[in-house]
Protein backbone atom coordinates (compact mmCIF):
# COMPACT_ATOMS: atom_id res chain seq x y z
CA UNK A 1 -19.97 -0.13 -15.24
CA UNK A 2 -17.81 2.99 -14.93
CA UNK A 3 -15.10 3.78 -17.42
CA UNK A 4 -11.56 4.60 -16.38
CA UNK A 5 -10.80 7.98 -14.84
CA UNK A 6 -9.03 10.08 -17.45
CA UNK A 7 -6.25 12.50 -16.60
CA UNK A 8 -8.39 15.50 -17.47
CA UNK A 9 -11.42 14.34 -15.47
CA UNK A 10 -9.39 13.49 -12.39
CA UNK A 11 -7.39 16.74 -12.54
CA UNK A 12 -10.57 18.77 -12.61
CA UNK A 13 -12.19 16.68 -9.88
CA UNK A 14 -9.22 17.17 -7.56
CA UNK A 15 -8.89 20.92 -8.21
CA UNK A 16 -10.74 21.96 -5.08
CA UNK A 17 -9.78 25.42 -3.91
CA UNK A 18 -7.22 25.89 -1.16
CA UNK A 19 -9.51 28.34 0.61
CA UNK A 20 -12.41 25.89 0.75
CA UNK A 21 -10.24 23.11 2.10
CA UNK A 22 -8.64 25.39 4.68
CA UNK A 23 -12.05 26.44 6.02
CA UNK A 24 -13.20 22.84 6.13
CA UNK A 25 -10.01 21.80 7.89
CA UNK A 26 -10.50 24.50 10.55
CA UNK A 27 -14.08 23.42 11.14
CA UNK A 28 -13.14 19.76 11.49
CA UNK A 29 -10.36 20.67 13.91
CA UNK A 30 -12.89 22.59 16.04
CA UNK A 31 -15.26 19.60 15.97
CA UNK A 32 -12.42 17.27 16.97
CA UNK A 33 -11.34 19.49 19.88
CA UNK A 34 -14.92 19.81 21.10
CA UNK A 35 -15.34 16.04 20.97
CA UNK A 36 -12.15 15.51 22.93
CA UNK A 37 -13.32 17.90 25.64
CA UNK A 38 -16.69 16.21 25.72
CA UNK A 39 -15.12 12.82 26.32
CA UNK A 40 -16.52 11.14 23.17
CA UNK A 41 -19.68 9.81 24.74
CA UNK A 42 -20.65 6.47 23.20
CA UNK A 43 -23.59 4.13 23.54
CA UNK A 44 -23.79 1.72 26.49
CA UNK A 45 -20.18 2.34 27.59
CA UNK A 46 -20.95 1.52 31.22
CA UNK A 47 -22.07 -1.98 30.28
CA UNK A 48 -18.66 -2.95 28.87
CA UNK A 49 -15.74 -4.40 30.79
CA UNK A 50 -12.79 -2.05 31.04
CA UNK A 51 -10.53 -4.79 29.70
CA UNK A 52 -12.13 -4.67 26.24
CA UNK A 53 -9.11 -4.27 23.89
CA UNK A 54 -8.41 -1.12 21.91
CA UNK A 55 -8.01 -1.21 18.12
CA UNK A 56 -5.60 1.01 16.19
CA UNK A 57 -5.95 0.66 12.43
CA UNK A 58 -3.11 2.31 10.45
CA UNK A 59 -3.86 2.50 6.73
CA UNK A 60 -1.42 3.58 4.01
CA UNK A 61 -2.37 4.58 0.47
CA UNK A 62 -0.60 3.11 -2.59
CA UNK A 63 1.91 1.08 -0.55
CA UNK A 64 3.00 -2.06 -2.36
CA UNK A 65 3.55 -5.28 -0.43
CA UNK A 66 7.34 -5.35 -0.52
CA UNK A 67 8.15 -1.67 0.15
CA UNK A 68 9.29 -2.23 3.74
CA UNK A 69 12.73 -3.03 5.04
CA UNK A 70 11.42 -5.90 7.16
CA UNK A 71 10.03 -7.57 4.04
CA UNK A 72 13.48 -7.53 2.47
CA UNK A 73 13.42 -4.44 0.28
CA UNK A 74 17.04 -3.62 -0.54
CA UNK A 75 16.70 0.16 -0.36
CA UNK A 76 13.65 1.60 1.39
CA UNK A 77 14.16 2.45 5.06
CA UNK A 78 11.26 1.92 7.44
CA UNK A 79 12.68 1.35 10.95
CA UNK A 80 9.47 2.06 12.86
CA UNK A 81 7.28 -0.14 10.71
CA UNK A 82 9.95 -2.84 10.70
CA UNK A 83 9.96 -2.85 14.51
CA UNK A 84 6.16 -2.92 14.63
CA UNK A 85 5.87 -5.82 12.19
CA UNK A 86 8.45 -7.83 14.12
CA UNK A 87 6.29 -7.49 17.25
CA UNK A 88 3.42 -9.40 15.69
CA UNK A 89 2.36 -11.61 12.80
CA UNK A 90 2.81 -10.64 9.16
CA UNK A 91 0.70 -11.98 6.30
CA UNK A 92 2.87 -12.17 3.21
CA UNK A 93 0.06 -12.56 0.66
CA UNK A 94 -2.63 -10.00 1.46
CA UNK A 95 -4.66 -8.88 -1.56
CA UNK A 96 -7.10 -6.21 -2.60
CA UNK A 97 -9.77 -7.55 -4.97
CA UNK A 98 -9.64 -4.66 -7.40
CA UNK A 99 -12.02 -1.92 -8.39
CA UNK A 100 -15.04 -0.75 -10.35
CA UNK A 101 -13.34 2.66 -10.62
CA UNK A 102 -10.04 4.04 -11.89
CA UNK A 103 -9.60 5.26 -8.31
CA UNK A 104 -8.91 1.80 -6.88
CA UNK A 105 -8.81 3.20 -3.36
CA UNK A 106 -12.55 3.92 -3.52
CA UNK A 107 -13.45 0.26 -3.99
CA UNK A 108 -10.88 -0.95 -1.47
CA UNK A 109 -12.25 1.36 1.22
CA UNK A 110 -15.86 0.58 0.36
CA UNK A 111 -15.15 -3.13 0.84
CA UNK A 112 -13.37 -2.37 4.09
CA UNK A 113 -16.14 -0.25 5.60
CA UNK A 114 -19.08 -2.34 4.38
CA UNK A 115 -17.48 -5.76 4.89
CA UNK A 116 -18.73 -6.84 1.43
CA UNK A 117 -16.98 -8.50 -1.49
CA UNK A 118 -16.13 -6.31 -4.45
CA UNK A 119 -19.30 -6.06 -6.52
CA UNK A 120 -21.58 -6.40 -3.50
CA UNK A 121 -19.69 -3.47 -1.99
CA UNK A 122 -20.19 -1.51 -5.20
CA UNK A 123 -23.94 -1.85 -4.74
CA UNK A 124 -23.86 -1.23 -0.99
CA UNK A 125 -21.87 2.00 -1.34
CA UNK A 126 -24.70 3.57 -3.32
CA UNK A 127 -26.86 3.56 -0.16
CA UNK A 128 -24.47 4.00 2.72
CA UNK A 129 -27.00 6.07 4.67
CA UNK A 130 -29.20 3.00 4.85
CA UNK A 131 -26.20 0.83 5.73
CA UNK A 132 -25.33 3.18 8.58
CA UNK A 133 -28.89 3.27 9.92
CA UNK A 134 -28.93 -0.52 9.97
CA UNK A 135 -25.55 -0.66 11.73
CA UNK A 136 -23.92 -2.39 8.78
CA UNK A 137 -20.65 -0.43 8.71
CA UNK A 138 -17.36 -1.42 10.33
CA UNK A 139 -16.93 1.52 12.71
CA UNK A 140 -20.63 1.52 13.57
CA UNK A 141 -20.31 -2.02 14.92
CA UNK A 142 -17.65 -0.76 17.31
CA UNK A 143 -19.61 2.35 18.27
CA UNK A 144 -22.66 0.26 19.10
CA UNK A 145 -20.45 -2.02 21.18
CA UNK A 146 -19.43 0.95 23.31
CA UNK A 147 -16.17 1.95 21.69
CA UNK A 148 -15.02 5.54 21.27
CA UNK A 149 -14.54 5.65 17.51
CA UNK A 150 -12.17 8.11 15.88
CA UNK A 151 -11.08 8.83 12.34
CA UNK A 152 -8.56 11.13 10.72
CA UNK A 153 -6.96 11.24 7.28
CA UNK A 154 -8.07 9.96 3.91
CA UNK A 155 -11.66 8.79 3.70
CA UNK A 156 -12.80 8.44 0.05
CA UNK A 157 -16.01 6.60 0.95
CA UNK A 158 -19.41 7.79 -0.22
CA UNK A 159 -20.69 9.01 3.15
CA UNK A 160 -19.61 11.77 5.53
CA UNK A 161 -17.41 10.09 8.19
CA UNK A 162 -18.77 12.52 10.77
CA UNK A 163 -21.93 10.46 10.62
CA UNK A 164 -20.02 7.28 11.44
CA UNK A 165 -17.38 8.16 14.00
CA UNK A 166 -17.79 9.74 17.41
CA UNK A 167 -15.03 12.16 16.43
CA UNK A 168 -13.05 13.06 13.35
CA UNK A 169 -10.15 15.44 12.84
CA UNK A 170 -8.87 16.19 9.33
CA UNK A 171 -11.00 14.46 6.71
CA UNK A 172 -8.89 14.40 3.56
CA UNK A 173 -9.98 13.91 -0.06
CA UNK A 174 -8.88 11.04 -2.28
CA UNK A 175 -5.49 12.62 -2.93
CA UNK A 176 -3.67 15.87 -2.32
CA UNK A 177 -4.01 18.30 -5.20
CA UNK A 178 -1.63 17.47 -8.05
CA UNK A 179 -0.40 20.13 -10.47
CA UNK A 180 0.16 20.01 -14.22
CA UNK A 181 3.90 20.30 -13.61
CA UNK A 182 3.76 17.02 -11.68
CA UNK A 183 2.79 14.99 -14.74
CA UNK A 184 4.74 13.54 -17.65
CA UNK A 185 8.05 13.99 -15.87
CA UNK A 186 10.99 13.96 -15.92
CA UNK A 187 11.67 14.29 -19.64
CA UNK A 188 15.05 13.38 -21.09
CA UNK A 189 17.51 16.25 -21.51
CA UNK A 190 15.11 18.73 -19.93
CA UNK A 191 15.09 20.24 -16.44
CA UNK A 192 12.52 18.70 -14.14
CA UNK A 193 9.77 21.31 -13.59
CA UNK A 194 8.57 19.81 -10.29
CA UNK A 195 10.17 19.15 -6.91
CA UNK A 196 8.95 16.66 -4.28
CA UNK A 197 10.24 18.78 -1.40
CA UNK A 198 9.17 22.30 -2.41
CA UNK A 199 6.03 23.42 -0.52
CA UNK A 200 5.19 25.87 -3.30
CA UNK A 201 3.54 22.99 -5.18
CA UNK A 202 0.91 22.60 -2.46
CA UNK A 203 -0.34 19.04 -2.40
CA UNK A 204 0.64 17.45 0.90
CA UNK A 205 1.72 20.88 2.17
CA UNK A 206 -1.63 22.51 1.57
CA UNK A 207 -2.56 24.16 4.85
CA UNK A 208 1.05 24.76 5.87
CA UNK A 209 2.08 21.37 7.26
CA UNK A 210 2.60 18.01 5.57
CA UNK A 211 -0.59 15.97 5.80
CA UNK A 212 1.19 12.90 7.21
CA UNK A 213 2.56 15.03 10.04
CA UNK A 214 -0.89 16.48 10.68
CA UNK A 215 -2.31 12.97 10.93
CA UNK A 216 0.31 12.07 13.54
CA UNK A 217 -0.56 15.28 15.41
CA UNK A 218 -4.23 14.26 15.40
CA UNK A 219 -3.44 10.77 16.67
CA UNK A 220 -1.27 12.13 19.47
CA UNK A 221 -4.08 14.46 20.55
CA UNK A 222 -6.63 11.67 20.63
CA UNK A 223 -4.32 9.30 22.51
CA UNK A 224 -3.52 11.94 25.10
CA UNK A 225 -7.22 12.16 25.85
CA UNK A 226 -7.73 8.38 25.65
CA UNK A 227 -5.08 7.85 28.32
CA UNK A 228 -7.45 9.46 30.83
CA UNK A 229 -10.54 7.46 29.82
CA UNK A 230 -11.65 3.94 30.70
CA UNK A 231 -13.66 3.41 27.54
CA UNK A 232 -12.00 1.29 24.81
CA UNK A 233 -11.20 3.05 21.55
CA UNK A 234 -11.21 2.26 17.84
CA UNK A 235 -8.86 4.46 15.78
CA UNK A 236 -9.04 4.66 11.97
CA UNK A 237 -5.82 6.41 10.91
CA UNK A 238 -5.70 6.69 7.12
CA UNK A 239 -2.62 8.26 5.57
CA UNK A 240 -2.76 9.74 2.08
CA UNK A 241 0.90 8.75 1.72
CA UNK A 242 2.62 7.41 -0.28
CA UNK A 243 0.06 8.36 -2.96
CA UNK A 244 1.19 10.99 -5.44
CA UNK A 245 2.07 13.78 -5.43
CA UNK A 246 4.88 11.93 -3.64
CA UNK A 247 6.12 14.83 -1.54
CA UNK A 248 8.31 14.77 1.54
CA UNK A 249 10.82 17.07 3.25
CA UNK A 250 14.18 17.34 1.52
CA UNK A 251 16.04 15.27 4.10
CA UNK A 252 13.96 12.23 3.14
CA UNK A 253 14.55 12.71 -0.58
CA UNK A 254 18.27 13.06 0.13
CA UNK A 255 18.24 9.64 1.80
CA UNK A 256 17.83 8.14 -1.67
CA UNK A 257 20.33 9.58 -4.20
CA UNK A 258 18.84 9.19 -7.67
CA UNK A 259 21.94 7.56 -9.13
CA UNK A 260 21.75 4.82 -6.47
CA UNK A 261 18.14 3.84 -7.08
CA UNK A 262 17.88 0.31 -8.39
CA UNK A 263 15.52 -0.46 -11.24
CA UNK A 264 13.02 -3.22 -10.52
CA UNK A 265 13.87 -6.50 -12.20
CA UNK A 266 10.55 -6.49 -14.04
CA UNK A 267 11.03 -2.97 -15.38
CA UNK A 268 9.73 -2.51 -18.92
CA UNK A 269 9.71 0.60 -21.11
CA UNK A 270 6.12 -0.11 -22.13
CA UNK A 271 3.43 -2.63 -21.32
CA UNK A 272 2.31 -4.19 -24.61
CA UNK A 273 -1.41 -4.29 -23.77
CA UNK A 274 -1.66 -0.99 -21.89
CA UNK A 275 -4.25 0.56 -24.21
CA UNK A 276 -6.55 -2.47 -24.16
CA UNK A 277 -6.60 -2.84 -20.39
CA UNK A 278 -7.31 0.77 -19.40
CA UNK A 279 -3.71 1.82 -18.67
CA UNK A 280 -3.07 4.16 -21.58
CA UNK A 281 -1.70 7.71 -21.15
CA UNK A 282 -5.33 8.81 -20.67
CA UNK A 283 -5.30 7.19 -17.22
CA UNK A 284 -4.15 9.78 -14.70
CA UNK A 285 -1.82 7.49 -12.78
CA UNK A 286 -0.03 6.36 -15.92
CA UNK A 287 0.46 9.93 -17.18
CA UNK A 288 2.72 10.72 -14.21
CA UNK A 289 5.75 9.50 -16.17
CA UNK A 290 6.51 9.81 -19.88
CA UNK A 291 5.83 7.09 -22.47
CA UNK A 292 7.77 4.99 -23.16
CA UNK A 293 9.21 4.72 -19.67
CA UNK A 294 12.86 5.57 -19.30
CA UNK A 295 15.24 4.21 -16.70
CA UNK A 296 15.96 7.76 -15.52
CA UNK A 297 12.26 8.60 -15.06
CA UNK A 298 11.56 5.39 -13.15
CA UNK A 299 14.52 6.06 -10.85
CA UNK A 300 13.17 9.54 -10.04
CA UNK A 301 9.68 8.26 -9.30
CA UNK A 302 11.01 5.45 -7.15
CA UNK A 303 13.28 7.88 -5.31
CA UNK A 304 10.26 10.01 -4.44
CA UNK A 305 8.22 6.91 -3.55
CA UNK A 306 10.84 5.66 -1.09
CA UNK A 307 11.24 9.13 0.43
CA UNK A 308 7.55 9.60 1.23
CA UNK A 309 7.39 6.05 2.61
CA UNK A 310 10.25 6.83 5.00
CA UNK A 311 8.48 10.05 5.98
CA UNK A 312 5.29 8.08 6.65
CA UNK A 313 7.35 5.64 8.72
CA UNK A 314 8.55 8.48 10.94
CA UNK A 315 4.94 9.54 11.60
CA UNK A 316 3.96 5.97 12.48
CA UNK A 317 6.80 6.01 15.00
CA UNK A 318 5.28 9.11 16.60
CA UNK A 319 1.88 7.42 16.83
CA UNK A 320 3.33 4.30 18.44
CA UNK A 321 5.27 6.40 20.95
CA UNK A 322 2.07 8.24 21.86
CA UNK A 323 0.26 4.92 22.26
CA UNK A 324 3.01 3.69 24.59
CA UNK A 325 2.61 6.85 26.66
CA UNK A 326 -1.05 6.00 27.35
CA UNK A 327 -0.05 2.89 29.27
CA UNK A 328 -2.59 0.95 27.20
CA UNK A 329 -0.31 -0.64 24.61
CA UNK A 330 -0.56 -4.08 26.26
CA UNK A 331 -4.33 -4.08 25.73
CA UNK A 332 -4.27 -2.74 22.18
CA UNK A 333 -4.30 -4.46 18.80
CA UNK A 334 -2.48 -2.58 16.05
CA UNK A 335 -3.10 -3.36 12.40
CA UNK A 336 -0.95 -1.97 9.62
CA UNK A 337 -1.83 -2.39 5.96
CA UNK A 338 -2.62 -0.42 2.78
CA UNK A 339 -5.53 -0.11 0.38
CA UNK A 340 -3.59 -1.53 -2.61
CA UNK A 341 -0.13 -1.54 -4.13
CA UNK A 342 1.54 0.39 -6.94
CA UNK A 343 3.71 -0.40 -9.97
CA UNK A 344 6.11 2.59 -10.13
CA UNK A 345 7.83 1.30 -13.27
CA UNK A 346 7.26 -2.42 -12.97
CA UNK A 347 5.91 -4.00 -16.15
CA UNK A 348 6.05 -0.58 -17.80
CA UNK A 349 3.22 0.64 -15.55
CA UNK A 350 3.07 3.41 -12.96
CA UNK A 351 -0.30 2.99 -11.26
CA UNK A 352 -2.37 0.37 -9.47
CA UNK A 353 -4.96 -0.36 -12.16
CA UNK A 354 -3.61 -3.79 -13.05
CA UNK A 355 -3.62 -7.36 -11.76
CA UNK A 356 0.09 -7.83 -11.09
CA UNK A 357 1.21 -8.56 -7.55
CA UNK A 358 2.91 -5.20 -7.13
CA UNK A 359 -0.50 -3.58 -7.47
CA UNK A 360 -2.90 -6.07 -5.87
CA UNK A 361 -0.79 -7.11 -2.87
CA UNK A 362 -0.19 -5.02 0.26
CA UNK A 363 1.83 -5.25 3.48
CA UNK A 364 -0.24 -6.61 6.33
CA UNK A 365 0.65 -7.07 10.00
CA UNK A 366 -1.25 -7.42 13.24
CA UNK A 367 0.26 -6.86 16.68
CA UNK A 368 -1.29 -7.23 20.12
CA UNK A 369 -2.21 -9.49 23.02
CA UNK A 370 -1.78 -13.19 22.24
CA UNK A 371 -0.68 -12.49 18.66
CA UNK A 372 2.42 -14.59 17.84
CA UNK A 373 5.54 -12.46 17.81
CA UNK A 374 7.93 -12.40 14.86
CA UNK A 375 5.94 -14.88 12.79
CA UNK A 376 4.59 -14.78 9.27
CA UNK A 377 1.77 -16.50 7.45
CA UNK A 378 1.91 -17.28 3.75
CA UNK A 379 -1.80 -18.19 3.52
CA UNK A 380 -3.56 -15.92 0.99
CA UNK A 381 -5.98 -13.42 2.49
CA UNK A 382 -7.85 -10.26 1.53
CA UNK A 383 -6.85 -7.13 3.42
CA UNK A 384 -10.54 -6.58 4.24
CA UNK A 385 -10.46 -9.79 6.31
CA UNK A 386 -9.35 -7.45 9.06
CA UNK A 387 -12.98 -6.37 9.52
CA UNK A 388 -14.32 -9.60 11.08
CA UNK A 389 -10.93 -10.21 12.70
CA UNK A 390 -11.08 -7.01 14.73
CA UNK A 391 -14.71 -7.69 15.62
CA UNK A 392 -13.80 -11.09 16.98
CA UNK A 393 -10.86 -9.65 18.92
CA UNK A 394 -13.22 -7.09 20.46
CA UNK A 395 -15.80 -9.70 21.44
CA UNK A 396 -18.32 -8.41 18.89
CA UNK A 397 -20.40 -11.09 17.23
CA UNK A 398 -19.56 -11.10 13.53
CA UNK A 399 -22.79 -10.12 11.74
CA UNK A 400 -24.12 -11.99 8.76
CA UNK A 401 -23.61 -9.15 6.30
CA UNK A 402 -19.81 -9.40 6.64
CA UNK A 403 -18.55 -11.50 3.73
CA UNK A 404 -14.86 -11.55 4.61
CA UNK A 405 -13.27 -14.12 6.93
CA UNK A 406 -11.71 -13.75 10.35
CA UNK A 407 -7.95 -14.36 10.40
CA UNK A 408 -7.75 -15.66 13.95
CA UNK A 409 -7.66 -19.35 12.94
CA UNK A 410 -4.74 -18.62 10.59
CA UNK A 411 -2.97 -16.54 13.24
CA UNK A 412 -3.29 -19.34 15.79
CA UNK A 413 -2.36 -22.19 13.43
CA UNK A 414 0.30 -21.57 10.81
CA UNK A 415 -0.44 -24.89 9.09
CA UNK A 416 -3.88 -23.81 7.86
CA UNK A 417 -3.93 -23.14 4.10
CA UNK A 418 -6.11 -20.03 3.93
CA UNK A 419 -8.05 -19.22 0.78
CA UNK A 420 -7.71 -21.59 -2.16
CA UNK A 421 -8.27 -18.83 -4.72
CA UNK A 422 -7.87 -15.09 -4.89
CA UNK A 423 -10.07 -13.04 -7.21
CA UNK A 424 -9.24 -9.77 -8.91
CA UNK A 425 -11.03 -7.34 -11.25
CA UNK A 426 -10.59 -3.93 -12.79
CA UNK A 427 -13.59 -2.31 -14.52
CA UNK A 428 -14.68 -4.53 -17.41
CA UNK A 429 -11.11 -4.65 -18.72
CA UNK A 430 -9.30 -7.12 -16.47
CA UNK A 431 -10.03 -10.24 -14.42
CA UNK A 432 -7.70 -12.41 -12.36
CA UNK A 433 -7.58 -15.63 -10.39
CA UNK A 434 -4.66 -16.88 -8.32
CA UNK A 435 -4.77 -20.59 -7.48
CA UNK A 436 -2.66 -23.77 -7.60
CA UNK A 437 0.49 -21.67 -7.56
CA UNK A 438 -0.50 -19.90 -10.80
CA UNK A 439 -2.03 -16.59 -11.72
CA UNK A 440 -4.37 -16.27 -14.69
CA UNK A 441 -5.06 -12.76 -15.98
CA UNK A 442 -7.83 -12.21 -18.52
CA UNK A 443 -8.21 -9.11 -20.71
CA UNK A 444 -11.78 -9.52 -22.02
CA UNK A 445 -11.93 -6.52 -24.37
CA UNK A 446 -8.84 -7.54 -26.33
CA UNK A 447 -9.34 -11.30 -25.80
CA UNK A 448 -5.94 -11.90 -24.23
CA UNK A 449 -4.88 -14.28 -21.45
CA UNK A 450 -1.68 -14.20 -19.41
CA UNK A 451 -0.53 -17.07 -17.20
CA UNK A 452 2.27 -17.00 -14.63
CA UNK A 453 3.70 -19.65 -12.33
CA UNK A 454 4.03 -17.57 -9.18
CA UNK A 455 6.19 -20.03 -7.26
CA UNK A 456 8.84 -20.14 -9.98
CA UNK A 457 8.27 -16.66 -11.38
CA UNK A 458 7.21 -14.34 -8.52
CA UNK A 459 8.02 -11.22 -10.57
CA UNK A 460 5.55 -12.36 -13.27
CA UNK A 461 7.95 -12.00 -16.18
CA UNK A 462 7.36 -15.22 -18.11
CA UNK A 463 3.93 -15.57 -19.70
CA UNK A 464 2.99 -19.24 -20.04
CA UNK A 465 -0.38 -18.73 -21.72
CA UNK A 466 -0.91 -20.95 -24.71
CA UNK A 467 1.57 -23.64 -23.74
CA UNK A 468 -0.09 -26.97 -24.64
CA UNK A 469 1.10 -28.76 -21.51
CA UNK A 470 -0.70 -26.16 -19.37
CA UNK A 471 -4.05 -26.34 -21.16
CA UNK A 472 -5.69 -28.27 -18.31
CA UNK A 473 -4.34 -25.81 -15.73
CA UNK A 474 -5.71 -22.91 -17.74
CA UNK A 475 -9.12 -24.56 -18.07
CA UNK A 476 -9.34 -25.18 -14.33
CA UNK A 477 -8.37 -21.61 -13.54
CA UNK A 478 -10.99 -20.26 -15.93
CA UNK A 479 -13.66 -22.32 -14.17
CA UNK A 480 -12.43 -21.13 -10.79
CA UNK A 481 -12.55 -17.54 -12.01
CA UNK A 482 -16.14 -17.94 -13.16
CA UNK A 483 -17.07 -19.40 -9.79
CA UNK A 484 -15.47 -16.47 -8.00
CA UNK A 485 -17.29 -14.05 -10.26
CA UNK A 486 -20.57 -15.50 -9.12
CA UNK A 487 -19.50 -15.43 -5.46
CA UNK A 488 -18.44 -11.76 -5.69
CA UNK A 489 -21.47 -10.60 -7.69
CA UNK A 490 -19.42 -9.82 -10.78
CA UNK A 491 -21.84 -8.59 -13.51
CA UNK A 492 -19.53 -9.23 -16.47
CA UNK A 493 -19.63 -12.52 -18.41
CA UNK A 494 -16.20 -13.56 -19.62
CA UNK A 495 -17.38 -14.87 -22.97
CA UNK A 496 -17.08 -18.16 -24.82
CA UNK A 497 -13.80 -17.16 -26.50
CA UNK A 498 -11.98 -18.28 -23.34
CA UNK A 499 -13.05 -21.89 -23.91
CA UNK A 500 -11.62 -22.06 -27.40
C-alpha cells in the first residue's frame, strides 16, 4: 500500500516545464479542432434513435459538500450552480470512499471511470488498457452505444484519455503547478509572499488564460458543433478548480473581504492525531498553511477558496448558456458533483486526506427530463453511483462489472432509504463507517477510535468513543466496517485491539 505523498515528492512531481505543457496544449487543441471538423464519428450511430438523451457531466475538484449558496452556505456566492441545482434533484449525502493515495482525486476518478469500489478500482487502474479493450470504462460504454464522447480538463487517471474519448481538448494534470511561495502562508506579522490573483505565479494562468475559462471555451466549442449534429453526446467536463493553487481574477477575491470571512464552527488550531493519521506537515496539502493554524491564515485560505468557487460558477454559467443555445437542453441530463471535499481549516486540517464530512462529502445534483424539480434526497449515496445512473438514463444495459448502484429508484421515490452504511478509507492510516446515525473513525496505526452522532453533532465536534452506554453501538459499527472492508476488497485487517 502506498505511503502518503510528501510535500517534496509532490512538488517535484508537479514541476513540469511550462514549455512542455504549452506544446502539449497546442497539440491537443489541434486534435480537438480536427475532431470537431470531422464530426466525431462514433460506432453504430445510425442505429440509434435521435431522441437518445445527451449527458453533460460537470466535475469540480476539492469542492466540499456545503460550499454552495443553494445548500445554505452563509458566504460563498454561486448563482449559476444554485439555479442549476434548483432545476433538478439534489442528494445531500453524497460520499467519496477515500483513497489509496495522498492524491485522493486519483482514487475518486479511478472509481468513477472503472465503476469499481475503492480497492477493486485500485487493482483495475493498474491495467486500464485491458479495461478499455474489454469496454469496461464509463465513457467507452457510451462510445460503443453510439455517443459522441468528449473530455476536457483534469484527468488524473492512469490511461491517456485520447484512447477513451472520441475527442479531447485540454488534458490537464492533477493540479496546476504550485510554487514554494504558495506554501506555509500567511505567517503572522509578515507580508504574504503570494497572491491568488497575480498571473506571475503561473498555476491556473499557465498558458495565458485561467484554466477554468479555457475549459468553458472548450465546452462552448464542442456544443456549437453538437448543435448541428443528430448524434447524442456525452461530455466529461472536469475542472481543476477549486483545487490549490486557489487562483482567480482579482474581482472574485474582492468579493470576499478577508476581515469578513467567518471561521468554521469546527475550526481548530491543530488536529491532535494529525501525525498518526498521515496529515502531518509532510503532507503537501497540510503544508499550505502554517502549524498551528491561526484564525488569520484560515480566513485567507477560505477567502481564496470562495473566490475560485465563484469563478468556477461563472464558467458553469457559460457552459449552461451554450447548452441552451443548442436547442437540446430539454433532452439533456446534467450532473454536477466533485471528486471529494476539503477541510480548509476545519478540525485543524487543510486537505482532504481525512474521514470527516467536509472531506468525504460532495455536492451532487442531477437535472434533466423527468427528474423531479427542486427536490432533495437525504439517502446516502456514493458520487460514483452516477456511472450506472447515466447508463440507465441512456438506455445502456448496466454491465456486471459496475459495482455502484443506479440512483433512479431514489430519484423516483423519496421514501427509499438508500445505503445503510457508507465506507471510507485512507491509505492504511484511517477507516470509517457511517451507519445508524453515527460515524465511527478508526486510526489503526495509533490504535484510536472516534465516534460521532451525526444527527445531533453534524460538525463532528464531540467525540463519544469510550462512553460505556455506546459500547454496543461501537461494536455493531466495527462489525459493519469489517463487512464493508470485505465487500470493497480492503486488504488491511483492522486488528484485534478494536474488540478490547
